[in-house]
Amino acid sequence: MVEIQTPDDVVGPIYQTLTQRRGIVIGEEPIAGTPLVQMKAHLPVGESFGFTQTLRANTSGRAFPQCVFSHFEEMSGDPLEVGSKSNEIVESIRKRKGLKPGVPLLENFIDKL
């Protein structure tokens, strides 16, 4: 979860930045008596690295985000389907850990008699 306090004239670049990082805005409400808006959005942890710097660059330093862990959510897509987002994540993790590319087949783990 990311909570962002910002002036209401830079809401557009915030939506753009969140969309680029698979974020979903779940709430936007004005702060009474001020020209500020309080936004709440869900942002995947993997996409949150460097988010603050990108957001500040896109809003000329006028947005103030605070990231807090909220929940786990199952990713859509099939990690075995080449080209899917879940497959890209699995492949990048396997590469980072020094494992062979490609998800191993189930037959590799079954004892053959």
Protein backbone atom coordinates (compact mmCIF):
# COMPACT_ATOMS: atom_id res chain seq x y z
CA MET A 1 0.00 0.00 0.00
CA VAL A 2 1.28 3.43 -0.83
CA GLU A 3 -0.26 6.58 0.63
CA ILE A 4 0.51 9.79 -1.25
CA GLN A 5 -0.14 13.36 -0.17
CA THR A 6 0.02 15.77 -3.06
CA PRO A 7 -1.40 19.01 -4.45
CA ASP A 8 -4.45 18.34 -6.60
CA ASP A 9 -2.79 19.67 -9.78
CA VAL A 10 -0.25 16.80 -9.97
CA VAL A 11 -2.69 13.90 -9.67
CA GLY A 12 -2.31 13.05 -13.39
CA PRO A 13 1.43 12.25 -13.24
CA ILE A 14 0.80 10.14 -10.13
CA TYR A 15 -1.77 7.99 -11.98
CA GLN A 16 0.70 7.66 -14.87
CA THR A 17 3.54 6.58 -12.56
CA LEU A 18 1.33 4.05 -10.76
CA THR A 19 0.03 2.62 -14.04
CA GLN A 20 3.58 2.11 -15.35
CA ARG A 21 4.34 0.06 -12.21
CA ARG A 22 1.13 -2.03 -12.13
CA GLY A 23 -0.29 0.06 -9.26
CA ILE A 24 -4.02 0.35 -8.62
CA VAL A 25 -5.51 3.48 -7.04
CA ILE A 26 -8.05 2.46 -4.37
CA GLY A 27 -8.90 5.87 -2.95
CA GLU A 28 -8.52 9.56 -3.55
CA GLU A 29 -9.97 12.16 -1.21
CA PRO A 30 -9.28 15.86 -0.68
CA ILE A 31 -7.86 17.03 2.65
CA ALA A 32 -10.34 19.57 4.02
CA GLY A 33 -9.19 23.18 4.07
CA THR A 34 -6.09 22.55 1.94
CA PRO A 35 -5.33 22.16 -1.78
CA LEU A 36 -3.95 18.67 -1.01
CA VAL A 37 -5.25 15.24 -1.96
CA GLN A 38 -4.67 12.00 -0.02
CA MET A 39 -4.34 9.04 -2.40
CA LYS A 40 -4.13 5.35 -1.53
CA ALA A 41 -2.98 2.70 -3.97
CA HIS A 42 -1.86 -0.90 -4.05
CA LEU A 43 1.62 -1.30 -5.52
CA PRO A 44 3.40 -4.66 -5.99
CA VAL A 45 6.53 -4.91 -3.82
CA GLY A 46 8.70 -5.78 -6.81
CA GLU A 47 7.58 -2.58 -8.54
CA SER A 48 8.11 -0.40 -5.46
CA PHE A 49 11.91 -0.27 -5.70
CA GLY A 50 12.78 3.19 -7.02
CA PHE A 51 9.12 4.24 -6.96
CA THR A 52 9.69 7.25 -4.68
CA GLN A 53 12.42 8.68 -6.89
CA THR A 54 10.37 8.17 -10.06
CA LEU A 55 7.27 9.70 -8.49
CA ARG A 56 9.16 12.73 -7.24
CA ALA A 57 10.79 13.19 -10.67
CA ASN A 58 7.40 12.98 -12.44
CA THR A 59 5.76 15.44 -10.02
CA SER A 60 8.70 17.85 -9.61
CA GLY A 61 9.04 16.80 -5.96
CA ARG A 62 5.46 17.74 -5.07
CA ALA A 63 4.21 14.26 -4.11
CA PHE A 64 5.03 12.69 -0.76
CA PRO A 65 4.60 8.89 -0.76
CA GLN A 66 4.73 6.50 2.15
CA CYS A 67 4.88 2.75 1.45
CA VAL A 68 3.54 0.22 3.96
CA PHE A 69 3.10 -3.53 3.55
CA SER A 70 -0.60 -4.29 3.20
CA HIS A 71 -1.30 -7.82 1.99
CA PHE A 72 -0.36 -10.70 -0.27
CA GLU A 73 -2.24 -11.20 -3.51
CA GLU A 74 -2.01 -14.06 -6.00
CA MET A 75 -0.61 -13.02 -9.36
CA SER A 76 -2.67 -13.68 -12.41
CA GLY A 77 -1.21 -15.54 -15.35
CA ASP A 78 0.57 -18.83 -15.84
CA PRO A 79 4.29 -18.95 -14.97
CA LEU A 80 4.71 -21.74 -17.55
CA GLU A 81 3.32 -19.56 -20.38
CA VAL A 82 6.26 -17.94 -22.16
CA GLY A 83 5.84 -14.17 -22.37
CA SER A 84 3.43 -13.76 -19.45
CA LYS A 85 4.31 -11.33 -16.64
CA SER A 86 4.45 -14.16 -14.10
CA ASN A 87 6.83 -16.07 -16.40
CA GLU A 88 9.09 -13.01 -16.70
CA ILE A 89 9.26 -12.74 -12.90
CA VAL A 90 10.05 -16.45 -12.48
CA GLU A 91 12.76 -16.23 -15.15
CA SER A 92 14.36 -13.15 -13.55
CA ILE A 93 14.39 -14.87 -10.13
CA ARG A 94 15.94 -18.03 -11.61
CA LYS A 95 18.60 -15.92 -13.36
CA ARG A 96 19.36 -13.94 -10.18
CA LYS A 97 19.79 -17.19 -8.22
CA GLY A 98 22.02 -18.77 -10.87
CA LEU A 99 19.53 -21.49 -11.86
CA LYS A 100 18.98 -22.84 -15.36
CA PRO A 101 16.50 -20.84 -17.45
CA GLY A 102 13.04 -22.35 -17.84
CA VAL A 103 10.80 -23.93 -15.26
CA PRO A 104 11.82 -27.57 -14.79
CA LEU A 105 9.33 -30.26 -15.75
CA LEU A 106 7.64 -32.38 -13.12
CA GLU A 107 9.31 -35.47 -14.59
CA ASN A 108 12.66 -34.17 -13.35
CA PHE A 109 11.53 -34.70 -9.74
CA ILE A 110 9.79 -38.07 -9.98
CA ASP A 111 11.91 -41.14 -9.22
CA LYS A 112 12.01 -43.38 -12.26
CA LEU A 113 11.69 -47.06 -11.51
